[in-house]
C-alpha atoms as a PDB file:
ATOM      1  CA  UNK A   1     -28.725  37.820  16.122  1.00  0.00           C
ATOM      2  CA  UNK A   2     -25.434  39.731  16.049  1.00  0.00           C
ATOM      3  CA  UNK A   3     -22.667  39.036  18.534  1.00  0.00           C
ATOM      4  CA  UNK A   4     -23.086  42.534  19.981  1.00  0.00           C
ATOM      5  CA  UNK A   5     -26.786  41.980  20.642  1.00  0.00           C
ATOM      6  CA  UNK A   6     -26.084  38.624  22.289  1.00  0.00           C
ATOM      7  CA  UNK A   7     -23.441  40.116  24.576  1.00  0.00           C
ATOM      8  CA  UNK A   8     -25.685  43.058  25.565  1.00  0.00           C
ATOM      9  CA  UNK A   9     -28.609  40.699  26.132  1.00  0.00           C
ATOM     10  CA  UNK A  10     -26.541  38.535  28.463  1.00  0.00           C
ATOM     11  CA  UNK A  11     -25.396  41.580  30.423  1.00  0.00           C
ATOM     12  CA  UNK A  12     -28.945  42.856  30.914  1.00  0.00           C
ATOM     13  CA  UNK A  13     -30.505  39.498  31.818  1.00  0.00           C
ATOM     14  CA  UNK A  14     -28.637  38.105  34.827  1.00  0.00           C
ATOM     15  CA  UNK A  15     -31.596  35.893  35.705  1.00  0.00           C
ATOM     16  CA  UNK A  16     -31.216  33.785  32.557  1.00  0.00           C
ATOM     17  CA  UNK A  17     -31.482  30.105  33.219  1.00  0.00           C
ATOM     18  CA  UNK A  18     -28.435  27.932  32.750  1.00  0.00           C
ATOM     19  CA  UNK A  19     -30.062  26.299  29.731  1.00  0.00           C
ATOM     20  CA  UNK A  20     -30.595  29.589  27.911  1.00  0.00           C
ATOM     21  CA  UNK A  21     -27.081  30.744  28.763  1.00  0.00           C
ATOM     22  CA  UNK A  22     -25.660  27.490  27.426  1.00  0.00           C
ATOM     23  CA  UNK A  23     -27.657  27.877  24.214  1.00  0.00           C
ATOM     24  CA  UNK A  24     -26.291  31.371  23.720  1.00  0.00           C
ATOM     25  CA  UNK A  25     -22.759  30.091  24.238  1.00  0.00           C
ATOM     26  CA  UNK A  26     -23.356  27.452  21.584  1.00  0.00           C
ATOM     27  CA  UNK A  27     -24.542  30.196  19.250  1.00  0.00           C
ATOM     28  CA  UNK A  28     -21.368  32.137  19.893  1.00  0.00           C
ATOM     29  CA  UNK A  29     -19.249  29.075  19.229  1.00  0.00           C
ATOM     30  CA  UNK A  30     -21.154  28.349  16.037  1.00  0.00           C
ATOM     31  CA  UNK A  31     -20.401  31.858  14.823  1.00  0.00           C
ATOM     32  CA  UNK A  32     -16.712  31.356  15.519  1.00  0.00           C
ATOM     33  CA  UNK A  33     -16.665  28.015  13.683  1.00  0.00           C
ATOM     34  CA  UNK A  34     -18.416  29.468  10.636  1.00  0.00           C
ATOM     35  CA  UNK A  35     -15.633  32.041  10.336  1.00  0.00           C
ATOM     36  CA  UNK A  36     -13.229  29.209   9.411  1.00  0.00           C
ATOM     37  CA  UNK A  37     -13.541  27.798   5.915  1.00  0.00           C
ATOM     38  CA  UNK A  38     -13.160  24.031   5.642  1.00  0.00           C
ATOM     39  CA  UNK A  39     -10.760  22.985   2.885  1.00  0.00           C
ATOM     40  CA  UNK A  40     -10.847  19.275   2.065  1.00  0.00           C
ATOM     41  CA  UNK A  41      -7.493  17.996   0.845  1.00  0.00           C
ATOM     42  CA  UNK A  42      -7.233  14.867  -1.253  1.00  0.00           C
ATOM     43  CA  UNK A  43      -4.480  12.435  -0.262  1.00  0.00           C
ATOM     44  CA  UNK A  44      -3.392   9.102  -1.745  1.00  0.00           C
ATOM     45  CA  UNK A  45      -0.614   6.648  -0.997  1.00  0.00           C
ATOM     46  CA  UNK A  46       2.560   8.351  -2.191  1.00  0.00           C
ATOM     47  CA  UNK A  47       5.318   7.627   0.336  1.00  0.00           C
ATOM     48  CA  UNK A  48       7.058   9.337   1.987  1.00  0.00           C
ATOM     49  CA  UNK A  49       4.433  12.065   1.477  1.00  0.00           C
ATOM     50  CA  UNK A  50       1.437   9.864   2.320  1.00  0.00           C
ATOM     51  CA  UNK A  51       1.435   6.314   3.638  1.00  0.00           C
ATOM     52  CA  UNK A  52      -0.787   4.248   5.933  1.00  0.00           C
ATOM     53  CA  UNK A  53       0.213   2.668   9.211  1.00  0.00           C
ATOM     54  CA  UNK A  54      -0.748  -0.796  10.498  1.00  0.00           C
ATOM     55  CA  UNK A  55      -4.120   0.572  11.622  1.00  0.00           C
ATOM     56  CA  UNK A  56      -4.867   1.962   8.170  1.00  0.00           C
ATOM     57  CA  UNK A  57      -4.400   5.548   9.332  1.00  0.00           C
ATOM     58  CA  UNK A  58      -2.760   8.042   6.955  1.00  0.00           C
ATOM     59  CA  UNK A  59       0.608   9.470   7.924  1.00  0.00           C
ATOM     60  CA  UNK A  60       3.589  11.095   6.267  1.00  0.00           C
ATOM     61  CA  UNK A  61       4.875  14.495   5.240  1.00  0.00           C
ATOM     62  CA  UNK A  62       1.584  15.650   3.683  1.00  0.00           C
ATOM     63  CA  UNK A  63      -0.300  14.990   6.925  1.00  0.00           C
ATOM     64  CA  UNK A  64       2.365  16.788   8.938  1.00  0.00           C
ATOM     65  CA  UNK A  65       2.105  19.758   6.585  1.00  0.00           C
ATOM     66  CA  UNK A  66      -1.674  19.943   6.924  1.00  0.00           C
ATOM     67  CA  UNK A  67      -1.303  19.897  10.680  1.00  0.00           C
ATOM     68  CA  UNK A  68       1.218  22.727  10.504  1.00  0.00           C
ATOM     69  CA  UNK A  69      -0.978  24.738   8.113  1.00  0.00           C
ATOM     70  CA  UNK A  70      -3.801  24.521  10.650  1.00  0.00           C
ATOM     71  CA  UNK A  71      -1.460  25.760  13.364  1.00  0.00           C
ATOM     72  CA  UNK A  72      -0.102  28.843  11.594  1.00  0.00           C
ATOM     73  CA  UNK A  73      -3.453  30.423  10.688  1.00  0.00           C
ATOM     74  CA  UNK A  74      -7.134  30.508  11.717  1.00  0.00           C
ATOM     75  CA  UNK A  75      -8.936  31.365   8.459  1.00  0.00           C
ATOM     76  CA  UNK A  76      -8.996  27.846   7.036  1.00  0.00           C
ATOM     77  CA  UNK A  77      -9.266  24.340   8.397  1.00  0.00           C
ATOM     78  CA  UNK A  78      -7.434  21.763   6.254  1.00  0.00           C
ATOM     79  CA  UNK A  79      -8.907  18.273   6.472  1.00  0.00           C
ATOM     80  CA  UNK A  80      -7.529  15.198   4.634  1.00  0.00           C
ATOM     81  CA  UNK A  81      -9.761  13.063   2.421  1.00  0.00           C
ATOM     82  CA  UNK A  82      -8.405   9.693   1.280  1.00  0.00           C
ATOM     83  CA  UNK A  83      -8.552   8.862  -2.429  1.00  0.00           C
ATOM     84  CA  UNK A  84      -6.329   6.831  -4.767  1.00  0.00           C
ATOM     85  CA  UNK A  85      -4.016   7.765  -7.653  1.00  0.00           C
ATOM     86  CA  UNK A  86      -6.485   6.592 -10.286  1.00  0.00           C
ATOM     87  CA  UNK A  87      -9.661   7.779  -8.550  1.00  0.00           C
ATOM     88  CA  UNK A  88      -8.482  11.247  -7.628  1.00  0.00           C
ATOM     89  CA  UNK A  89      -9.865  12.901 -10.777  1.00  0.00           C
ATOM     90  CA  UNK A  90     -13.350  11.410 -10.380  1.00  0.00           C
ATOM     91  CA  UNK A  91     -13.347  12.241  -6.656  1.00  0.00           C
ATOM     92  CA  UNK A  92     -12.320  15.796  -7.476  1.00  0.00           C
ATOM     93  CA  UNK A  93     -15.098  16.059 -10.081  1.00  0.00           C
ATOM     94  CA  UNK A  94     -17.565  14.763  -7.471  1.00  0.00           C
ATOM     95  CA  UNK A  95     -16.369  17.518  -5.078  1.00  0.00           C
ATOM     96  CA  UNK A  96     -15.132  15.048  -2.456  1.00  0.00           C
ATOM     97  CA  UNK A  97     -12.135  17.354  -2.074  1.00  0.00           C
ATOM     98  CA  UNK A  98     -10.941  20.663  -3.528  1.00  0.00           C
ATOM     99  CA  UNK A  99      -7.178  20.686  -3.064  1.00  0.00           C
ATOM    100  CA  UNK A 100      -4.039  18.543  -3.222  1.00  0.00           C
ATOM    101  CA  UNK A 101      -0.471  19.209  -2.157  1.00  0.00           C
ATOM    102  CA  UNK A 102       2.645  17.563  -3.646  1.00  0.00           C
ATOM    103  CA  UNK A 103       0.781  17.512  -6.940  1.00  0.00           C
ATOM    104  CA  UNK A 104       1.206  18.936 -10.430  1.00  0.00           C
ATOM    105  CA  UNK A 105      -1.349  19.766 -13.121  1.00  0.00           C
ATOM    106  CA  UNK A 106       0.702  17.812 -15.672  1.00  0.00           C
ATOM    107  CA  UNK A 107      -0.158  14.555 -13.853  1.00  0.00           C
ATOM    108  CA  UNK A 108      -3.382  13.996 -15.745  1.00  0.00           C
ATOM    109  CA  UNK A 109      -5.173  17.185 -14.675  1.00  0.00           C
ATOM    110  CA  UNK A 110      -4.763  19.314 -17.797  1.00  0.00           C
ATOM    111  CA  UNK A 111      -5.665  16.401 -20.085  1.00  0.00           C
ATOM    112  CA  UNK A 112      -9.011  16.068 -18.293  1.00  0.00           C
ATOM    113  CA  UNK A 113      -9.643  19.825 -18.501  1.00  0.00           C
ATOM    114  CA  UNK A 114     -10.588  20.088 -14.830  1.00  0.00           C
ATOM    115  CA  UNK A 115     -11.216  23.532 -13.247  1.00  0.00           C
ATOM    116  CA  UNK A 116      -7.935  23.893 -11.374  1.00  0.00           C
ATOM    117  CA  UNK A 117      -5.156  26.330 -10.634  1.00  0.00           C
ATOM    118  CA  UNK A 118      -1.794  25.681  -9.008  1.00  0.00           C
ATOM    119  CA  UNK A 119       0.669  27.521  -6.813  1.00  0.00           C
ATOM    120  CA  UNK A 120       4.289  28.121  -7.746  1.00  0.00           C
ATOM    121  CA  UNK A 121       6.693  25.280  -6.973  1.00  0.00           C
ATOM    122  CA  UNK A 122       7.462  24.884  -3.275  1.00  0.00           C
ATOM    123  CA  UNK A 123       9.634  21.761  -3.457  1.00  0.00           C
ATOM    124  CA  UNK A 124      11.441  19.783  -6.134  1.00  0.00           C
ATOM    125  CA  UNK A 125      12.165  16.077  -6.318  1.00  0.00           C
ATOM    126  CA  UNK A 126      12.190  13.273  -8.820  1.00  0.00           C
ATOM    127  CA  UNK A 127      12.048   9.609  -9.725  1.00  0.00           C
ATOM    128  CA  UNK A 128      15.045   7.452 -10.592  1.00  0.00           C
ATOM    129  CA  UNK A 129      15.450   4.126 -12.336  1.00  0.00           C
ATOM    130  CA  UNK A 130      16.895   1.355 -10.197  1.00  0.00           C
ATOM    131  CA  UNK A 131      17.989  -2.223 -10.861  1.00  0.00           C
ATOM    132  CA  UNK A 132      19.848  -4.968  -9.027  1.00  0.00           C
ATOM    133  CA  UNK A 133      23.561  -4.351  -8.686  1.00  0.00           C
ATOM    134  CA  UNK A 134      25.389  -7.126 -10.536  1.00  0.00           C
ATOM    135  CA  UNK A 135      29.017  -7.645 -11.602  1.00  0.00           C
ATOM    136  CA  UNK A 136      29.656  -5.745 -14.837  1.00  0.00           C
ATOM    137  CA  UNK A 137      26.322  -3.908 -14.753  1.00  0.00           C
ATOM    138  CA  UNK A 138      26.830  -0.158 -15.241  1.00  0.00           C
ATOM    139  CA  UNK A 139      24.833   2.961 -16.037  1.00  0.00           C
ATOM    140  CA  UNK A 140      24.627   1.748 -19.633  1.00  0.00           C
ATOM    141  CA  UNK A 141      21.986  -0.709 -18.468  1.00  0.00           C
ATOM    142  CA  UNK A 142      19.478   2.169 -18.268  1.00  0.00           C
ATOM    143  CA  UNK A 143      20.161   3.452 -21.793  1.00  0.00           C
ATOM    144  CA  UNK A 144      17.678   1.055 -23.426  1.00  0.00           C
ATOM    145  CA  UNK A 145      14.473   0.263 -21.534  1.00  0.00           C
ATOM    146  CA  UNK A 146      13.040  -1.963 -24.259  1.00  0.00           C
ATOM    147  CA  UNK A 147      12.877  -5.688 -23.592  1.00  0.00           C
ATOM    148  CA  UNK A 148      13.081  -4.987 -19.865  1.00  0.00           C
ATOM    149  CA  UNK A 149      10.272  -5.472 -17.365  1.00  0.00           C
ATOM    150  CA  UNK A 150       9.666  -2.180 -15.551  1.00  0.00           C
ATOM    151  CA  UNK A 151       7.904  -2.134 -12.178  1.00  0.00           C
ATOM    152  CA  UNK A 152       5.475   0.791 -11.827  1.00  0.00           C
ATOM    153  CA  UNK A 153       2.660   1.812  -9.509  1.00  0.00           C
ATOM    154  CA  UNK A 154      -0.910   1.739 -10.832  1.00  0.00           C
ATOM    155  CA  UNK A 155      -2.236   5.263 -11.356  1.00  0.00           C
ATOM    156  CA  UNK A 156       1.145   6.988 -11.336  1.00  0.00           C
ATOM    157  CA  UNK A 157       2.508   8.953 -14.290  1.00  0.00           C
ATOM    158  CA  UNK A 158       5.934   8.152 -15.740  1.00  0.00           C
ATOM    159  CA  UNK A 159       8.191  10.077 -18.059  1.00  0.00           C
ATOM    160  CA  UNK A 160       9.250   7.034 -20.098  1.00  0.00           C
ATOM    161  CA  UNK A 161       5.563   6.493 -20.991  1.00  0.00           C
ATOM    162  CA  UNK A 162       4.828  10.102 -21.892  1.00  0.00           C
ATOM    163  CA  UNK A 163       2.995  10.469 -18.549  1.00  0.00           C
ATOM    164  CA  UNK A 164       0.145   8.235 -19.689  1.00  0.00           C
ATOM    165  CA  UNK A 165      -1.241   6.277 -16.753  1.00  0.00           C
ATOM    166  CA  UNK A 166      -3.466   3.788 -18.590  1.00  0.00           C
ATOM    167  CA  UNK A 167      -2.560   0.301 -17.233  1.00  0.00           C
ATOM    168  CA  UNK A 168      -3.290  -1.437 -20.536  1.00  0.00           C
ATOM    169  CA  UNK A 169      -1.033   0.959 -22.421  1.00  0.00           C
ATOM    170  CA  UNK A 170       1.803   0.502 -19.917  1.00  0.00           C
ATOM    171  CA  UNK A 171       1.577  -3.289 -20.096  1.00  0.00           C
ATOM    172  CA  UNK A 172       1.264  -3.531 -23.878  1.00  0.00           C
ATOM    173  CA  UNK A 173       3.772  -0.836 -24.843  1.00  0.00           C
ATOM    174  CA  UNK A 174       6.390  -1.322 -22.138  1.00  0.00           C
ATOM    175  CA  UNK A 175       5.680  -4.694 -20.562  1.00  0.00           C
ATOM    176  CA  UNK A 176       5.209  -2.919 -17.258  1.00  0.00           C
ATOM    177  CA  UNK A 177       4.695  -4.888 -14.055  1.00  0.00           C
ATOM    178  CA  UNK A 178       2.094  -2.887 -12.165  1.00  0.00           C
ATOM    179  CA  UNK A 179       2.017  -2.915  -8.362  1.00  0.00           C
ATOM    180  CA  UNK A 180      -0.119  -1.145  -5.772  1.00  0.00           C
ATOM    181  CA  UNK A 181       2.438  -0.019  -3.215  1.00  0.00           C
ATOM    182  CA  UNK A 182       5.801   1.714  -3.389  1.00  0.00           C
ATOM    183  CA  UNK A 183       7.488  -0.922  -1.216  1.00  0.00           C
ATOM    184  CA  UNK A 184       6.535  -3.546  -3.809  1.00  0.00           C
ATOM    185  CA  UNK A 185       8.778  -1.866  -6.382  1.00  0.00           C
ATOM    186  CA  UNK A 186      12.026  -2.892  -4.697  1.00  0.00           C
ATOM    187  CA  UNK A 187      10.544  -6.291  -3.815  1.00  0.00           C
ATOM    188  CA  UNK A 188       9.831  -6.844  -7.519  1.00  0.00           C
ATOM    189  CA  UNK A 189      13.534  -6.361  -8.217  1.00  0.00           C
ATOM    190  CA  UNK A 190      14.774  -8.490  -5.341  1.00  0.00           C
ATOM    191  CA  UNK A 191      12.394 -11.329  -6.261  1.00  0.00           C
ATOM    192  CA  UNK A 192      13.360 -11.249  -9.941  1.00  0.00           C
ATOM    193  CA  UNK A 193       9.891 -10.191 -11.134  1.00  0.00           C
ATOM    194  CA  UNK A 194      11.189  -6.956 -12.676  1.00  0.00           C
ATOM    195  CA  UNK A 195      14.411  -5.792 -14.301  1.00  0.00           C
ATOM    196  CA  UNK A 196      13.974  -2.106 -13.499  1.00  0.00           C
ATOM    197  CA  UNK A 197      11.803  -0.107 -11.123  1.00  0.00           C
ATOM    198  CA  UNK A 198      10.987   3.588 -11.052  1.00  0.00           C
ATOM    199  CA  UNK A 199      11.150   4.939  -7.500  1.00  0.00           C
ATOM    200  CA  UNK A 200      10.636   8.312  -5.869  1.00  0.00           C
ATOM    201  CA  UNK A 201      14.099   9.545  -4.936  1.00  0.00           C
ATOM    202  CA  UNK A 202      13.147  10.681  -1.430  1.00  0.00           C
ATOM    203  CA  UNK A 203      11.622   7.282  -0.636  1.00  0.00           C
ATOM    204  CA  UNK A 204      14.564   5.388  -2.118  1.00  0.00           C
ATOM    205  CA  UNK A 205      17.155   7.212  -0.044  1.00  0.00           C
ATOM    206  CA  UNK A 206      15.003   6.888   3.072  1.00  0.00           C
ATOM    207  CA  UNK A 207      14.835   3.118   2.457  1.00  0.00           C
ATOM    208  CA  UNK A 208      18.621   3.042   2.158  1.00  0.00           C
ATOM    209  CA  UNK A 209      18.879   4.745   5.543  1.00  0.00           C
ATOM    210  CA  UNK A 210      16.277   2.503   7.182  1.00  0.00           C
ATOM    211  CA  UNK A 211      17.401  -0.843   5.725  1.00  0.00           C
ATOM    212  CA  UNK A 212      21.077  -1.713   6.296  1.00  0.00           C
ATOM    213  CA  UNK A 213      22.623  -3.491   3.351  1.00  0.00           C
ATOM    214  CA  UNK A 214      19.956  -2.495   0.815  1.00  0.00           C
ATOM    215  CA  UNK A 215      22.054   0.212  -0.824  1.00  0.00           C
ATOM    216  CA  UNK A 216      24.727  -2.300  -1.806  1.00  0.00           C
ATOM    217  CA  UNK A 217      22.142  -4.413  -3.644  1.00  0.00           C
ATOM    218  CA  UNK A 218      20.765  -1.605  -5.798  1.00  0.00           C
ATOM    219  CA  UNK A 219      22.211   0.256  -8.783  1.00  0.00           C
ATOM    220  CA  UNK A 220      20.637   3.724  -9.083  1.00  0.00           C
ATOM    221  CA  UNK A 221      20.501   5.516 -12.425  1.00  0.00           C
ATOM    222  CA  UNK A 222      22.213   8.853 -12.799  1.00  0.00           C
ATOM    223  CA  UNK A 223      19.347  10.139 -14.927  1.00  0.00           C
ATOM    224  CA  UNK A 224      15.787  10.762 -13.828  1.00  0.00           C
ATOM    225  CA  UNK A 225      12.590   9.381 -15.256  1.00  0.00           C
ATOM    226  CA  UNK A 226      11.076  12.705 -14.262  1.00  0.00           C
ATOM    227  CA  UNK A 227      11.851  15.696 -12.083  1.00  0.00           C
ATOM    228  CA  UNK A 228       9.052  16.784  -9.769  1.00  0.00           C
ATOM    229  CA  UNK A 229       7.857  20.330  -9.470  1.00  0.00           C
ATOM    230  CA  UNK A 230       5.734  19.974  -6.346  1.00  0.00           C
ATOM    231  CA  UNK A 231       2.869  22.439  -6.176  1.00  0.00           C
ATOM    232  CA  UNK A 232      -0.536  22.838  -4.567  1.00  0.00           C
ATOM    233  CA  UNK A 233      -3.440  22.199  -6.947  1.00  0.00           C
ATOM    234  CA  UNK A 234      -6.766  23.864  -6.071  1.00  0.00           C
ATOM    235  CA  UNK A 235     -10.253  24.030  -7.506  1.00  0.00           C
ATOM    236  CA  UNK A 236     -11.039  27.376  -9.121  1.00  0.00           C
ATOM    237  CA  UNK A 237     -13.490  29.520  -7.187  1.00  0.00           C
ATOM    238  CA  UNK A 238     -13.218  27.975  -3.710  1.00  0.00           C
ATOM    239  CA  UNK A 239     -12.887  30.129  -0.595  1.00  0.00           C
ATOM    240  CA  UNK A 240      -9.116  29.670  -0.610  1.00  0.00           C
ATOM    241  CA  UNK A 241      -7.573  31.522  -3.550  1.00  0.00           C
ATOM    242  CA  UNK A 242      -4.364  30.416  -5.215  1.00  0.00           C
ATOM    243  CA  UNK A 243      -2.780  33.700  -4.088  1.00  0.00           C
ATOM    244  CA  UNK A 244      -3.675  33.046  -0.440  1.00  0.00           C
ATOM    245  CA  UNK A 245      -2.483  29.447  -0.673  1.00  0.00           C
ATOM    246  CA  UNK A 246       0.786  30.608  -2.227  1.00  0.00           C
ATOM    247  CA  UNK A 247       1.257  33.030   0.655  1.00  0.00           C
ATOM    248  CA  UNK A 248       0.624  30.230   3.172  1.00  0.00           C
ATOM    249  CA  UNK A 249       3.180  28.019   1.425  1.00  0.00           C
ATOM    250  CA  UNK A 250       5.705  30.860   1.456  1.00  0.00           C
ATOM    251  CA  UNK A 251       5.222  31.084   5.210  1.00  0.00           C
ATOM    252  CA  UNK A 252       5.472  27.332   5.496  1.00  0.00           C
ATOM    253  CA  UNK A 253       8.745  26.860   3.633  1.00  0.00           C
ATOM    254  CA  UNK A 254      10.491  29.517   5.727  1.00  0.00           C
ATOM    255  CA  UNK A 255       9.085  28.202   9.011  1.00  0.00           C
ATOM    256  CA  UNK A 256      11.822  26.607  11.196  1.00  0.00           C
ATOM    257  CA  UNK A 257       9.316  23.943  12.285  1.00  0.00           C
ATOM    258  CA  UNK A 258       8.724  23.012   8.633  1.00  0.00           C
ATOM    259  CA  UNK A 259      12.435  22.924   7.840  1.00  0.00           C
ATOM    260  CA  UNK A 260      12.975  20.611  10.792  1.00  0.00           C
ATOM    261  CA  UNK A 261      10.075  18.464   9.597  1.00  0.00           C
ATOM    262  CA  UNK A 262      11.540  18.166   6.100  1.00  0.00           C
ATOM    263  CA  UNK A 263      14.810  16.845   7.499  1.00  0.00           C
ATOM    264  CA  UNK A 264      12.934  13.866   8.971  1.00  0.00           C
ATOM    265  CA  UNK A 265      11.755  12.882   5.493  1.00  0.00           C
ATOM    266  CA  UNK A 266      14.761  13.820   3.416  1.00  0.00           C
ATOM    267  CA  UNK A 267      16.887  10.822   2.629  1.00  0.00           C
ATOM    268  CA  UNK A 268      20.508  11.004   1.552  1.00  0.00           C
ATOM    269  CA  UNK A 269      22.070   9.034  -1.331  1.00  0.00           C
END
């Protein structure tokens, strides 16, 4: 039944019972809901973009962005779906989600030949090498990574390893110490379990701001392990086209509310 027929029917039948009227209202609401396409967005622990609070609830910049995307338009409803760095490809193949933000097709997507497209870059970033600050230790310490234990996160891709994420390869080739959480990277240094760690720049500088005295204990490399080109990765053929998503991101990055939001997550050296 079309909306016009429903409206006319209601006007001509004032003696409708409350139950029938309520049912018609539900029908109207269902029509309105169906006009919004649900877009499931994969998220995994990648602070400060995604982290989990003490209750196990996801939070971070990615969640704030999804909330803002839902506020600035009515055509799509963006809903987060939790995955993990290593499981995200299988979950994508199983259609548990169809989109990711703060992602890049070079992080294992093209190698697996998955049906994806990506938007232009909307934010840049990177990962830096860090080590304990010690007397006489300079930037030269980062020139040769061999014979050094490097702390890395399981499932992440690193430039020094040619972006291969296989744990066995990282351990055998580079003697990597693999951890599950970003906060364990700095702990591995402080506890003497690693010589070097590779840390997301934004998270590192935020930790410096949040933890007095930490900056003086850490030597940060001038060079990057990799420079991020943050994009949105989408499944080909879903209701949301890459052109429409690009337009939404263009609106987002010029939105004063977004710019204010970014400042809360942008650390300073």
